[in-house]
Amino acid sequence: MTSRLSIGDFSRATHMTVKTLRHYHDIGLLEPAEVDPSTGYRRYGVEQIPTAQVVRRFRDLGMPLEEIKAVLAAPDAEARDRHLGAHLNRLEEELGRTRRAVASLRDLLVGPPADGPAVELREVPAVRAAAVSAVVDAQDCAAWCQGALGSWTRRSAGRGCGGPDRPAGSSTTSCSPVTGAWPRCSCPATARSGPSAGSGRR
């Protein structure tokens, strides 16, 4: 004859609270072996302890209850592994977001590294300029700027707009990638360039 445990005894055996066991019964995740129709008392089978331990383990791993239900109801190992893999992907995405948040907070607290590039804030008079800009991922900014500067040099020849090889003081060319913004390469335009200098996006 199969042994039956009261909900209190089953709670102690599985290290789950009585409230949790009642909730799992209500949502169909871990139903008792029998329920007394007159008193409503729940009784569990000893053989249900391993299932309860699996549920508790998955909850400790942050798996949603609906996903645990799907894992327990999986018809085969392949279907079970698909659910486990989906949860693993969610955890990895959350970990990536957490790492990025930690890095941003650390930068705010510590500031830029001592050997990092010097940043200077200055004001300059307004000038007409032509520019090349684009939406670029942060890791691609350096390569984009190198290509943009080369393209800028070719297109600006003969238009009175300085390139990176112009003598100091005649014009300036800059590439300022900012994460989440528009990297831009630009230089002042002389009167010769006129409206044709315009601006472009790449």
N, C-alpha and C. Protein backbone atom coordinates (compact mmCIF):
# COMPACT_ATOMS: atom_id res chain seq x y z
N MET A 1 0.85 -1.20 0.00
CA MET A 1 0.00 0.00 0.00
C MET A 1 0.88 1.24 0.00
N THR A 2 0.55 2.19 -0.87
CA THR A 2 1.34 3.41 -1.00
C THR A 2 1.16 4.29 0.24
N SER A 3 2.28 4.78 0.77
CA SER A 3 2.22 5.64 1.94
C SER A 3 1.71 7.01 1.54
N ARG A 4 0.94 7.61 2.42
CA ARG A 4 0.41 8.94 2.21
C ARG A 4 0.93 9.86 3.31
N LEU A 5 1.22 11.10 2.92
CA LEU A 5 1.72 12.10 3.85
C LEU A 5 0.76 13.27 3.89
N SER A 6 0.54 13.81 5.08
CA SER A 6 -0.24 15.04 5.17
C SER A 6 0.55 16.17 4.51
N ILE A 7 -0.11 17.27 4.24
CA ILE A 7 0.58 18.38 3.59
C ILE A 7 1.69 18.92 4.49
N GLY A 8 1.49 18.85 5.81
CA GLY A 8 2.53 19.31 6.73
C GLY A 8 3.76 18.42 6.66
N ASP A 9 3.54 17.08 6.67
CA ASP A 9 4.66 16.15 6.59
C ASP A 9 5.36 16.25 5.23
N PHE A 10 4.56 16.43 4.18
CA PHE A 10 5.16 16.56 2.84
C PHE A 10 5.96 17.87 2.75
N SER A 11 5.49 18.90 3.40
CA SER A 11 6.21 20.17 3.43
C SER A 11 7.58 20.00 4.08
N ARG A 12 7.62 19.31 5.20
CA ARG A 12 8.91 19.10 5.87
C ARG A 12 9.82 18.19 5.06
N ALA A 13 9.26 17.22 4.37
CA ALA A 13 10.08 16.28 3.59
C ALA A 13 10.67 16.94 2.35
N THR A 14 9.99 17.95 1.81
CA THR A 14 10.44 18.58 0.55
C THR A 14 11.03 19.97 0.76
N HIS A 15 10.99 20.47 2.00
CA HIS A 15 11.48 21.82 2.31
C HIS A 15 10.71 22.88 1.54
N MET A 16 9.43 22.64 1.30
CA MET A 16 8.53 23.62 0.72
C MET A 16 7.51 24.03 1.77
N THR A 17 7.10 25.28 1.74
CA THR A 17 6.09 25.72 2.70
C THR A 17 4.72 25.17 2.31
N VAL A 18 3.84 25.09 3.30
CA VAL A 18 2.48 24.64 3.04
C VAL A 18 1.79 25.59 2.05
N LYS A 19 2.04 26.88 2.21
CA LYS A 19 1.45 27.86 1.29
C LYS A 19 1.90 27.61 -0.14
N THR A 20 3.19 27.30 -0.31
CA THR A 20 3.71 27.03 -1.65
C THR A 20 3.07 25.78 -2.24
N LEU A 21 2.93 24.74 -1.44
CA LEU A 21 2.32 23.49 -1.91
C LEU A 21 0.87 23.72 -2.32
N ARG A 22 0.15 24.53 -1.58
CA ARG A 22 -1.23 24.84 -1.94
C ARG A 22 -1.28 25.60 -3.27
N HIS A 23 -0.35 26.54 -3.44
CA HIS A 23 -0.32 27.30 -4.69
C HIS A 23 0.01 26.38 -5.87
N TYR A 24 0.97 25.48 -5.68
CA TYR A 24 1.33 24.56 -6.76
C TYR A 24 0.16 23.65 -7.11
N HIS A 25 -0.64 23.29 -6.11
CA HIS A 25 -1.84 22.49 -6.37
C HIS A 25 -2.84 23.30 -7.19
N ASP A 26 -3.03 24.56 -6.81
CA ASP A 26 -4.03 25.40 -7.48
C ASP A 26 -3.69 25.61 -8.96
N ILE A 27 -2.40 25.71 -9.28
CA ILE A 27 -2.02 25.96 -10.69
C ILE A 27 -1.73 24.67 -11.44
N GLY A 28 -1.89 23.53 -10.77
CA GLY A 28 -1.70 22.25 -11.44
C GLY A 28 -0.26 21.84 -11.64
N LEU A 29 0.66 22.45 -10.89
CA LEU A 29 2.07 22.10 -11.03
C LEU A 29 2.42 20.85 -10.23
N LEU A 30 1.97 20.79 -8.99
CA LEU A 30 2.25 19.64 -8.13
C LEU A 30 0.99 19.32 -7.35
N GLU A 31 0.18 18.45 -7.90
CA GLU A 31 -1.11 18.13 -7.28
C GLU A 31 -0.94 17.00 -6.28
N PRO A 32 -1.68 17.04 -5.17
CA PRO A 32 -1.60 15.95 -4.19
C PRO A 32 -2.13 14.65 -4.76
N ALA A 33 -1.75 13.54 -4.13
CA ALA A 33 -2.21 12.24 -4.61
C ALA A 33 -3.71 12.09 -4.39
N GLU A 34 -4.21 12.68 -3.33
CA GLU A 34 -5.65 12.61 -3.06
C GLU A 34 -6.07 13.79 -2.20
N VAL A 35 -7.32 14.15 -2.33
CA VAL A 35 -7.91 15.23 -1.55
C VAL A 35 -9.20 14.70 -0.92
N ASP A 36 -9.30 14.82 0.37
CA ASP A 36 -10.50 14.36 1.07
C ASP A 36 -11.68 15.22 0.63
N PRO A 37 -12.71 14.63 0.03
CA PRO A 37 -13.84 15.42 -0.48
C PRO A 37 -14.64 16.13 0.60
N SER A 38 -14.61 15.61 1.82
CA SER A 38 -15.41 16.22 2.89
C SER A 38 -14.64 17.29 3.65
N THR A 39 -13.34 17.09 3.83
CA THR A 39 -12.54 18.05 4.61
C THR A 39 -11.65 18.92 3.75
N GLY A 40 -11.35 18.47 2.54
CA GLY A 40 -10.45 19.20 1.67
C GLY A 40 -8.98 18.98 2.01
N TYR A 41 -8.69 18.10 2.95
CA TYR A 41 -7.29 17.83 3.32
C TYR A 41 -6.54 17.20 2.16
N ARG A 42 -5.35 17.69 1.94
CA ARG A 42 -4.50 17.17 0.87
C ARG A 42 -3.55 16.12 1.44
N ARG A 43 -3.36 15.06 0.68
CA ARG A 43 -2.40 14.04 1.08
C ARG A 43 -1.53 13.71 -0.13
N TYR A 44 -0.26 13.58 0.12
CA TYR A 44 0.72 13.35 -0.95
C TYR A 44 1.34 11.96 -0.81
N GLY A 45 1.77 11.42 -1.94
CA GLY A 45 2.45 10.14 -1.94
C GLY A 45 3.95 10.32 -1.73
N VAL A 46 4.57 9.34 -1.08
CA VAL A 46 6.01 9.38 -0.87
C VAL A 46 6.73 9.45 -2.23
N GLU A 47 6.16 8.81 -3.23
CA GLU A 47 6.77 8.79 -4.56
C GLU A 47 6.77 10.16 -5.23
N GLN A 48 6.05 11.14 -4.67
CA GLN A 48 6.02 12.48 -5.24
C GLN A 48 7.16 13.36 -4.74
N ILE A 49 7.90 12.87 -3.75
CA ILE A 49 8.99 13.68 -3.19
C ILE A 49 10.05 14.01 -4.24
N PRO A 50 10.51 13.05 -5.08
CA PRO A 50 11.50 13.40 -6.11
C PRO A 50 11.00 14.49 -7.07
N THR A 51 9.72 14.42 -7.45
CA THR A 51 9.17 15.45 -8.34
C THR A 51 9.18 16.81 -7.66
N ALA A 52 8.82 16.84 -6.38
CA ALA A 52 8.83 18.09 -5.64
C ALA A 52 10.25 18.66 -5.55
N GLN A 53 11.23 17.78 -5.39
CA GLN A 53 12.62 18.23 -5.32
C GLN A 53 13.07 18.83 -6.66
N VAL A 54 12.60 18.22 -7.75
CA VAL A 54 12.93 18.77 -9.08
C VAL A 54 12.32 20.17 -9.23
N VAL A 55 11.07 20.31 -8.81
CA VAL A 55 10.40 21.61 -8.90
C VAL A 55 11.16 22.65 -8.09
N ARG A 56 11.54 22.29 -6.88
CA ARG A 56 12.25 23.24 -6.02
C ARG A 56 13.60 23.61 -6.61
N ARG A 57 14.28 22.64 -7.22
CA ARG A 57 15.57 22.91 -7.85
C ARG A 57 15.43 23.90 -9.00
N PHE A 58 14.43 23.68 -9.85
CA PHE A 58 14.22 24.60 -10.98
C PHE A 58 13.83 25.99 -10.51
N ARG A 59 13.05 26.07 -9.42
CA ARG A 59 12.70 27.38 -8.89
C ARG A 59 13.95 28.09 -8.37
N ASP A 60 14.86 27.35 -7.75
CA ASP A 60 16.11 27.94 -7.29
C ASP A 60 16.93 28.47 -8.46
N LEU A 61 16.73 27.89 -9.64
CA LEU A 61 17.44 28.33 -10.84
C LEU A 61 16.69 29.43 -11.59
N GLY A 62 15.63 29.93 -10.97
CA GLY A 62 14.91 31.05 -11.57
C GLY A 62 13.97 30.69 -12.70
N MET A 63 13.61 29.44 -12.85
CA MET A 63 12.72 29.04 -13.95
C MET A 63 11.27 29.39 -13.61
N PRO A 64 10.55 30.01 -14.53
CA PRO A 64 9.13 30.33 -14.29
C PRO A 64 8.31 29.07 -14.07
N LEU A 65 7.23 29.20 -13.33
CA LEU A 65 6.40 28.03 -13.00
C LEU A 65 5.82 27.38 -14.26
N GLU A 66 5.38 28.18 -15.21
CA GLU A 66 4.81 27.61 -16.44
C GLU A 66 5.86 26.81 -17.20
N GLU A 67 7.10 27.28 -17.15
CA GLU A 67 8.16 26.55 -17.84
C GLU A 67 8.46 25.23 -17.12
N ILE A 68 8.39 25.25 -15.79
CA ILE A 68 8.59 24.00 -15.03
C ILE A 68 7.50 23.00 -15.38
N LYS A 69 6.27 23.48 -15.48
CA LYS A 69 5.17 22.59 -15.87
C LYS A 69 5.44 21.96 -17.23
N ALA A 70 5.95 22.75 -18.15
CA ALA A 70 6.25 22.24 -19.49
C ALA A 70 7.36 21.19 -19.44
N VAL A 71 8.37 21.42 -18.59
CA VAL A 71 9.46 20.46 -18.46
C VAL A 71 8.94 19.14 -17.90
N LEU A 72 8.13 19.22 -16.84
CA LEU A 72 7.60 18.00 -16.23
C LEU A 72 6.67 17.24 -17.18
N ALA A 73 5.99 17.97 -18.06
CA ALA A 73 5.04 17.34 -18.99
C ALA A 73 5.69 16.97 -20.31
N ALA A 74 6.98 17.24 -20.48
CA ALA A 74 7.66 16.95 -21.75
C ALA A 74 7.56 15.46 -22.08
N PRO A 75 7.19 15.14 -23.32
CA PRO A 75 7.00 13.72 -23.69
C PRO A 75 8.31 12.95 -23.83
N ASP A 76 9.42 13.67 -24.06
CA ASP A 76 10.69 12.98 -24.22
C ASP A 76 11.83 13.91 -23.82
N ALA A 77 13.05 13.35 -23.83
CA ALA A 77 14.22 14.12 -23.40
C ALA A 77 14.49 15.29 -24.33
N GLU A 78 14.21 15.14 -25.62
CA GLU A 78 14.47 16.23 -26.57
C GLU A 78 13.59 17.44 -26.27
N ALA A 79 12.31 17.18 -26.01
CA ALA A 79 11.39 18.28 -25.69
C ALA A 79 11.79 18.93 -24.37
N ARG A 80 12.19 18.10 -23.40
CA ARG A 80 12.63 18.64 -22.11
C ARG A 80 13.84 19.54 -22.28
N ASP A 81 14.80 19.08 -23.09
CA ASP A 81 16.02 19.86 -23.29
C ASP A 81 15.76 21.17 -24.01
N ARG A 82 14.76 21.22 -24.87
CA ARG A 82 14.42 22.49 -25.54
C ARG A 82 13.98 23.52 -24.51
N HIS A 83 13.16 23.11 -23.56
CA HIS A 83 12.72 24.03 -22.51
C HIS A 83 13.89 24.47 -21.64
N LEU A 84 14.75 23.53 -21.30
CA LEU A 84 15.91 23.87 -20.48
C LEU A 84 16.84 24.83 -21.23
N GLY A 85 17.01 24.58 -22.53
CA GLY A 85 17.86 25.45 -23.34
C GLY A 85 17.29 26.86 -23.45
N ALA A 86 15.95 26.96 -23.57
CA ALA A 86 15.32 28.28 -23.65
C ALA A 86 15.55 29.06 -22.36
N HIS A 87 15.45 28.37 -21.23
CA HIS A 87 15.69 29.06 -19.95
C HIS A 87 17.16 29.46 -19.82
N LEU A 88 18.05 28.60 -20.29
CA LEU A 88 19.48 28.94 -20.25
C LEU A 88 19.76 30.20 -21.07
N ASN A 89 19.15 30.30 -22.24
CA ASN A 89 19.33 31.50 -23.08
C ASN A 89 18.83 32.75 -22.37
N ARG A 90 17.69 32.63 -21.69
CA ARG A 90 17.17 33.78 -20.95
C ARG A 90 18.14 34.21 -19.84
N LEU A 91 18.69 33.23 -19.14
CA LEU A 91 19.64 33.56 -18.07
C LEU A 91 20.88 34.23 -18.63
N GLU A 92 21.37 33.76 -19.79
CA GLU A 92 22.55 34.36 -20.39
C GLU A 92 22.28 35.79 -20.83
N GLU A 93 21.08 36.05 -21.37
CA GLU A 93 20.73 37.42 -21.77
C GLU A 93 20.66 38.32 -20.54
N GLU A 94 20.06 37.82 -19.46
CA GLU A 94 19.98 38.61 -18.23
C GLU A 94 21.38 38.87 -17.67
N LEU A 95 22.24 37.85 -17.76
CA LEU A 95 23.61 38.02 -17.27
C LEU A 95 24.34 39.09 -18.08
N GLY A 96 24.15 39.09 -19.41
CA GLY A 96 24.77 40.10 -20.26
C GLY A 96 24.30 41.50 -19.88
N ARG A 97 22.99 41.65 -19.66
CA ARG A 97 22.47 42.97 -19.27
C ARG A 97 23.03 43.40 -17.92
N THR A 98 23.14 42.43 -17.00
CA THR A 98 23.69 42.75 -15.67
C THR A 98 25.14 43.17 -15.78
N ARG A 99 25.92 42.47 -16.59
CA ARG A 99 27.33 42.83 -16.75
C ARG A 99 27.50 44.22 -17.34
N ARG A 100 26.66 44.55 -18.32
CA ARG A 100 26.75 45.89 -18.92
C ARG A 100 26.38 46.96 -17.91
N ALA A 101 25.36 46.68 -17.09
CA ALA A 101 24.97 47.64 -16.07
C ALA A 101 26.07 47.81 -15.03
N VAL A 102 26.71 46.70 -14.64
CA VAL A 102 27.80 46.77 -13.67
C VAL A 102 28.97 47.58 -14.23
N ALA A 103 29.30 47.35 -15.50
CA ALA A 103 30.40 48.09 -16.12
C ALA A 103 30.09 49.58 -16.17
N SER A 104 28.85 49.93 -16.50
CA SER A 104 28.49 51.34 -16.56
C SER A 104 28.56 52.00 -15.18
N LEU A 105 28.09 51.29 -14.17
CA LEU A 105 28.15 51.84 -12.81
C LEU A 105 29.59 51.98 -12.34
N ARG A 106 30.41 51.00 -12.69
CA ARG A 106 31.82 51.08 -12.29
C ARG A 106 32.50 52.27 -12.95
N ASP A 107 32.18 52.52 -14.22
CA ASP A 107 32.75 53.68 -14.90
C ASP A 107 32.33 54.98 -14.23
N LEU A 108 31.08 55.03 -13.76
CA LEU A 108 30.62 56.24 -13.08
C LEU A 108 31.35 56.46 -11.76
N LEU A 109 31.64 55.34 -11.06
CA LEU A 109 32.29 55.47 -9.76
C LEU A 109 33.79 55.70 -9.88
N VAL A 110 34.42 54.98 -10.80
CA VAL A 110 35.88 55.02 -10.91
C VAL A 110 36.35 56.10 -11.87
N GLY A 111 35.57 56.35 -12.91
CA GLY A 111 36.00 57.31 -13.92
C GLY A 111 36.82 56.62 -14.99
N PRO A 112 37.22 57.33 -16.03
CA PRO A 112 37.99 56.73 -17.13
C PRO A 112 39.36 56.30 -16.65
N PRO A 113 39.95 55.26 -17.26
CA PRO A 113 41.29 54.81 -16.87
C PRO A 113 42.34 55.87 -17.14
N ALA A 114 43.41 55.83 -16.35
CA ALA A 114 44.47 56.85 -16.47
C ALA A 114 45.13 56.81 -17.83
N ASP A 115 45.23 55.63 -18.44
CA ASP A 115 45.89 55.53 -19.74
C ASP A 115 44.91 55.68 -20.90
N GLY A 116 43.69 56.08 -20.60
CA GLY A 116 42.70 56.24 -21.66
C GLY A 116 42.93 57.52 -22.44
N PRO A 117 42.21 57.71 -23.54
CA PRO A 117 42.40 58.91 -24.36
C PRO A 117 41.98 60.17 -23.61
N ALA A 118 42.72 61.23 -23.80
CA ALA A 118 42.40 62.50 -23.15
C ALA A 118 41.17 63.11 -23.81
N VAL A 119 40.28 63.60 -23.01
CA VAL A 119 39.06 64.24 -23.51
C VAL A 119 39.10 65.71 -23.15
N GLU A 120 38.95 66.57 -24.15
CA GLU A 120 39.00 68.01 -23.94
C GLU A 120 37.71 68.64 -24.41
N LEU A 121 37.11 69.47 -23.59
CA LEU A 121 35.88 70.17 -23.95
C LEU A 121 36.22 71.62 -24.25
N ARG A 122 35.84 72.08 -25.43
CA ARG A 122 36.17 73.45 -25.82
C ARG A 122 35.05 74.03 -26.67
N GLU A 123 35.03 75.33 -26.79
CA GLU A 123 34.06 76.03 -27.61
C GLU A 123 34.77 76.64 -28.81
N VAL A 124 34.15 76.56 -29.98
CA VAL A 124 34.71 77.15 -31.20
C VAL A 124 33.63 77.97 -31.87
N PRO A 125 34.03 78.97 -32.65
CA PRO A 125 33.03 79.77 -33.37
C PRO A 125 32.25 78.92 -34.37
N ALA A 126 31.05 79.32 -34.67
CA ALA A 126 30.23 78.61 -35.64
C ALA A 126 30.84 78.71 -37.03
N VAL A 127 30.89 77.59 -37.77
CA VAL A 127 31.41 77.57 -39.14
C VAL A 127 30.52 76.69 -39.98
N ARG A 128 30.52 76.94 -41.29
CA ARG A 128 29.86 76.02 -42.21
C ARG A 128 30.72 74.78 -42.35
N ALA A 129 30.10 73.64 -42.39
CA ALA A 129 30.87 72.40 -42.46
C ALA A 129 30.09 71.35 -43.22
N ALA A 130 30.82 70.40 -43.75
CA ALA A 130 30.21 69.23 -44.37
C ALA A 130 30.56 68.04 -43.49
N ALA A 131 29.72 67.06 -43.47
CA ALA A 131 29.93 65.94 -42.56
C ALA A 131 29.45 64.64 -43.17
N VAL A 132 30.02 63.56 -42.71
CA VAL A 132 29.57 62.21 -43.04
C VAL A 132 29.23 61.55 -41.72
N SER A 133 28.03 61.01 -41.59
CA SER A 133 27.63 60.41 -40.33
C SER A 133 26.83 59.15 -40.58
N ALA A 134 26.74 58.32 -39.57
CA ALA A 134 26.02 57.05 -39.70
C ALA A 134 25.72 56.50 -38.33
N VAL A 135 24.77 55.56 -38.27
CA VAL A 135 24.52 54.80 -37.05
C VAL A 135 25.43 53.57 -37.10
N VAL A 136 26.34 53.46 -36.14
CA VAL A 136 27.35 52.40 -36.14
C VAL A 136 27.40 51.78 -34.76
N ASP A 137 27.51 50.45 -34.69
CA ASP A 137 27.71 49.79 -33.40
C ASP A 137 29.01 50.25 -32.77
N ALA A 138 29.04 50.27 -31.44
CA ALA A 138 30.21 50.79 -30.74
C ALA A 138 31.49 50.08 -31.16
N GLN A 139 31.42 48.75 -31.32
CA GLN A 139 32.64 48.01 -31.65
C GLN A 139 33.12 48.25 -33.08
N ASP A 140 32.24 48.84 -33.91
CA ASP A 140 32.60 49.08 -35.31
C ASP A 140 33.02 50.52 -35.57
N CYS A 141 33.03 51.36 -34.53
CA CYS A 141 33.29 52.79 -34.73
C CYS A 141 34.67 53.05 -35.33
N ALA A 142 35.71 52.37 -34.80
CA ALA A 142 37.06 52.64 -35.26
C ALA A 142 37.21 52.33 -36.75
N ALA A 143 36.69 51.16 -37.18
CA ALA A 143 36.79 50.79 -38.59
C ALA A 143 35.98 51.74 -39.46
N TRP A 144 34.78 52.13 -38.98
CA TRP A 144 33.96 53.05 -39.77
C TRP A 144 34.67 54.39 -39.94
N CYS A 145 35.25 54.91 -38.86
CA CYS A 145 35.92 56.21 -38.94
C CYS A 145 37.09 56.18 -39.92
N GLN A 146 37.84 55.07 -39.91
CA GLN A 146 38.97 54.97 -40.83
C GLN A 146 38.49 55.01 -42.27
N GLY A 147 37.43 54.27 -42.56
CA GLY A 147 36.90 54.28 -43.93
C GLY A 147 36.28 55.61 -44.29
N ALA A 148 35.60 56.26 -43.31
CA ALA A 148 34.97 57.55 -43.59
C ALA A 148 36.01 58.62 -43.87
N LEU A 149 37.14 58.59 -43.14
CA LEU A 149 38.19 59.58 -43.37
C LEU A 149 38.79 59.43 -44.76
N GLY A 150 38.97 58.17 -45.20
CA GLY A 150 39.50 57.95 -46.55
C GLY A 150 38.54 58.44 -47.61
N SER A 151 37.27 58.14 -47.41
CA SER A 151 36.26 58.61 -48.36
C SER A 151 36.18 60.12 -48.35
N TRP A 152 36.30 60.72 -47.16
CA TRP A 152 36.24 62.17 -47.03
C TRP A 152 37.37 62.85 -47.81
N THR A 153 38.56 62.26 -47.71
CA THR A 153 39.72 62.84 -48.40
C THR A 153 39.51 62.86 -49.90
N ARG A 154 38.97 61.76 -50.43
CA ARG A 154 38.76 61.68 -51.89
C ARG A 154 37.68 62.66 -52.34
N ARG A 155 36.60 62.74 -51.60
CA ARG A 155 35.47 63.57 -52.04
C ARG A 155 35.72 65.06 -51.83
N SER A 156 36.58 65.40 -50.86
CA SER A 156 36.78 66.81 -50.56
C SER A 156 37.84 67.46 -51.44
N ALA A 157 38.55 66.65 -52.22
CA ALA A 157 39.62 67.21 -53.06
C ALA A 157 39.02 68.23 -54.03
N GLY A 158 39.60 69.43 -54.03
CA GLY A 158 39.18 70.47 -54.95
C GLY A 158 37.94 71.22 -54.55
N ARG A 159 37.38 70.92 -53.37
CA ARG A 159 36.17 71.61 -52.94
C ARG A 159 36.43 72.60 -51.82
N GLY A 160 37.70 72.79 -51.48
CA GLY A 160 38.00 73.76 -50.45
C GLY A 160 37.70 73.27 -49.05
N CYS A 161 37.60 71.96 -48.90
CA CYS A 161 37.32 71.41 -47.57
C CYS A 161 38.48 70.52 -47.19
N GLY A 162 39.08 70.82 -46.08
CA GLY A 162 40.30 70.14 -45.69
C GLY A 162 40.11 68.69 -45.37
N GLY A 163 41.12 67.86 -45.64
CA GLY A 163 41.13 66.46 -45.25
C GLY A 163 42.16 66.25 -44.18
N PRO A 164 42.40 65.02 -43.74
CA PRO A 164 43.33 64.77 -42.67
C PRO A 164 44.78 65.09 -43.02
N ASP A 165 45.08 65.24 -44.34
CA ASP A 165 46.46 65.53 -44.74
C ASP A 165 46.68 67.03 -44.99
N ARG A 166 45.70 67.87 -44.69
CA ARG A 166 45.88 69.31 -44.89
C ARG A 166 46.79 69.87 -43.81
N PRO A 167 47.50 70.95 -44.09
CA PRO A 167 48.39 71.55 -43.09
C PRO A 167 47.62 71.99 -41.86
N ALA A 168 48.30 71.95 -40.71
CA ALA A 168 47.67 72.33 -39.45
C ALA A 168 47.20 73.77 -39.54
N GLY A 169 46.00 74.04 -39.07
CA GLY A 169 45.46 75.39 -39.04
C GLY A 169 44.58 75.70 -40.23
N SER A 170 44.74 74.95 -41.35
CA SER A 170 43.92 75.25 -42.52
C SER A 170 42.52 74.69 -42.36
N SER A 171 42.38 73.57 -41.72
CA SER A 171 41.08 72.98 -41.48
C SER A 171 41.25 71.89 -40.44
N THR A 172 40.17 71.37 -39.98
CA THR A 172 40.22 70.28 -39.00
C THR A 172 39.31 69.16 -39.45
N THR A 173 39.72 67.97 -39.17
CA THR A 173 38.90 66.80 -39.46
C THR A 173 38.82 65.97 -38.19
N SER A 174 37.64 65.58 -37.79
CA SER A 174 37.49 64.83 -36.54
C SER A 174 36.52 63.69 -36.74
N CYS A 175 36.71 62.66 -35.96
CA CYS A 175 35.80 61.53 -35.95
C CYS A 175 35.53 61.22 -34.49
N SER A 176 34.31 61.41 -34.06
CA SER A 176 34.00 61.30 -32.63
C SER A 176 32.89 60.28 -32.41
N PRO A 177 33.24 58.98 -32.35
CA PRO A 177 32.20 57.98 -32.09
C PRO A 177 31.72 58.04 -30.65
N VAL A 178 30.42 58.02 -30.48
CA VAL A 178 29.82 57.99 -29.15
C VAL A 178 28.81 56.85 -29.13
N THR A 179 28.91 55.97 -28.12
CA THR A 179 28.01 54.82 -28.05
C THR A 179 26.57 55.27 -28.05
N GLY A 180 25.78 54.67 -28.94
CA GLY A 180 24.37 55.00 -29.00
C GLY A 180 24.07 56.29 -29.73
N ALA A 181 25.08 56.95 -30.33
CA ALA A 181 24.84 58.22 -31.03
C ALA A 181 25.34 58.09 -32.46
N TRP A 182 25.51 59.26 -33.11
CA TRP A 182 25.95 59.28 -34.50
C TRP A 182 27.43 59.60 -34.57
N PRO A 183 28.31 58.65 -34.93
CA PRO A 183 29.70 59.01 -35.19
C PRO A 183 29.72 59.96 -36.38
N ARG A 184 30.63 60.91 -36.38
CA ARG A 184 30.63 61.90 -37.46
C ARG A 184 32.05 62.33 -37.81
N CYS A 185 32.33 62.40 -39.08
CA CYS A 185 33.58 62.96 -39.59
C CYS A 185 33.23 64.27 -40.27
N SER A 186 33.91 65.35 -39.91
CA SER A 186 33.56 66.64 -40.49
C SER A 186 34.77 67.54 -40.57
N CYS A 187 34.65 68.59 -41.39
CA CYS A 187 35.68 69.62 -41.45
C CYS A 187 35.04 70.91 -41.92
N PRO A 188 35.61 72.08 -41.56
CA PRO A 188 35.04 73.35 -42.03
C PRO A 188 35.11 73.44 -43.54
N ALA A 189 34.12 74.11 -44.11
CA ALA A 189 34.09 74.30 -45.57
C ALA A 189 34.36 75.77 -45.88
N THR A 190 35.19 76.01 -46.89
CA THR A 190 35.48 77.39 -47.29
C THR A 190 34.38 77.88 -48.21
N ALA A 191 34.45 79.15 -48.57
CA ALA A 191 33.42 79.73 -49.44
C ALA A 191 33.35 79.01 -50.77
N ARG A 192 34.53 78.44 -51.22
CA ARG A 192 34.56 77.77 -52.52
C ARG A 192 33.61 76.59 -52.57
N SER A 193 33.49 75.89 -51.42
CA SER A 193 32.71 74.65 -51.44
C SER A 193 31.23 74.94 -51.60
N GLY A 194 30.77 76.07 -51.04
CA GLY A 194 29.38 76.48 -51.18
C GLY A 194 28.41 75.39 -50.79
N PRO A 195 27.18 75.51 -51.26
CA PRO A 195 26.14 74.55 -50.89
C PRO A 195 26.45 73.15 -51.34
N SER A 196 27.32 73.00 -52.37
CA SER A 196 27.59 71.66 -52.89
C SER A 196 28.26 70.81 -51.86
N ALA A 197 28.93 71.42 -50.87
CA ALA A 197 29.59 70.60 -49.85
C ALA A 197 28.57 69.81 -49.09
N GLY A 198 27.48 70.47 -48.72
CA GLY A 198 26.35 69.78 -48.11
C GLY A 198 26.74 68.89 -46.95
N SER A 199 25.96 67.86 -46.77
CA SER A 199 26.26 66.84 -45.75
C SER A 199 25.74 65.52 -46.28
N GLY A 200 26.34 64.48 -45.81
CA GLY A 200 25.93 63.17 -46.28
C GLY A 200 25.93 62.17 -45.15
N ARG A 201 25.29 61.07 -45.37
CA ARG A 201 25.27 59.99 -44.40
C ARG A 201 25.79 58.73 -45.04
N ARG A 202 26.53 57.97 -44.20
CA ARG A 202 27.09 56.76 -44.76
C ARG A 202 26.79 55.61 -43.81
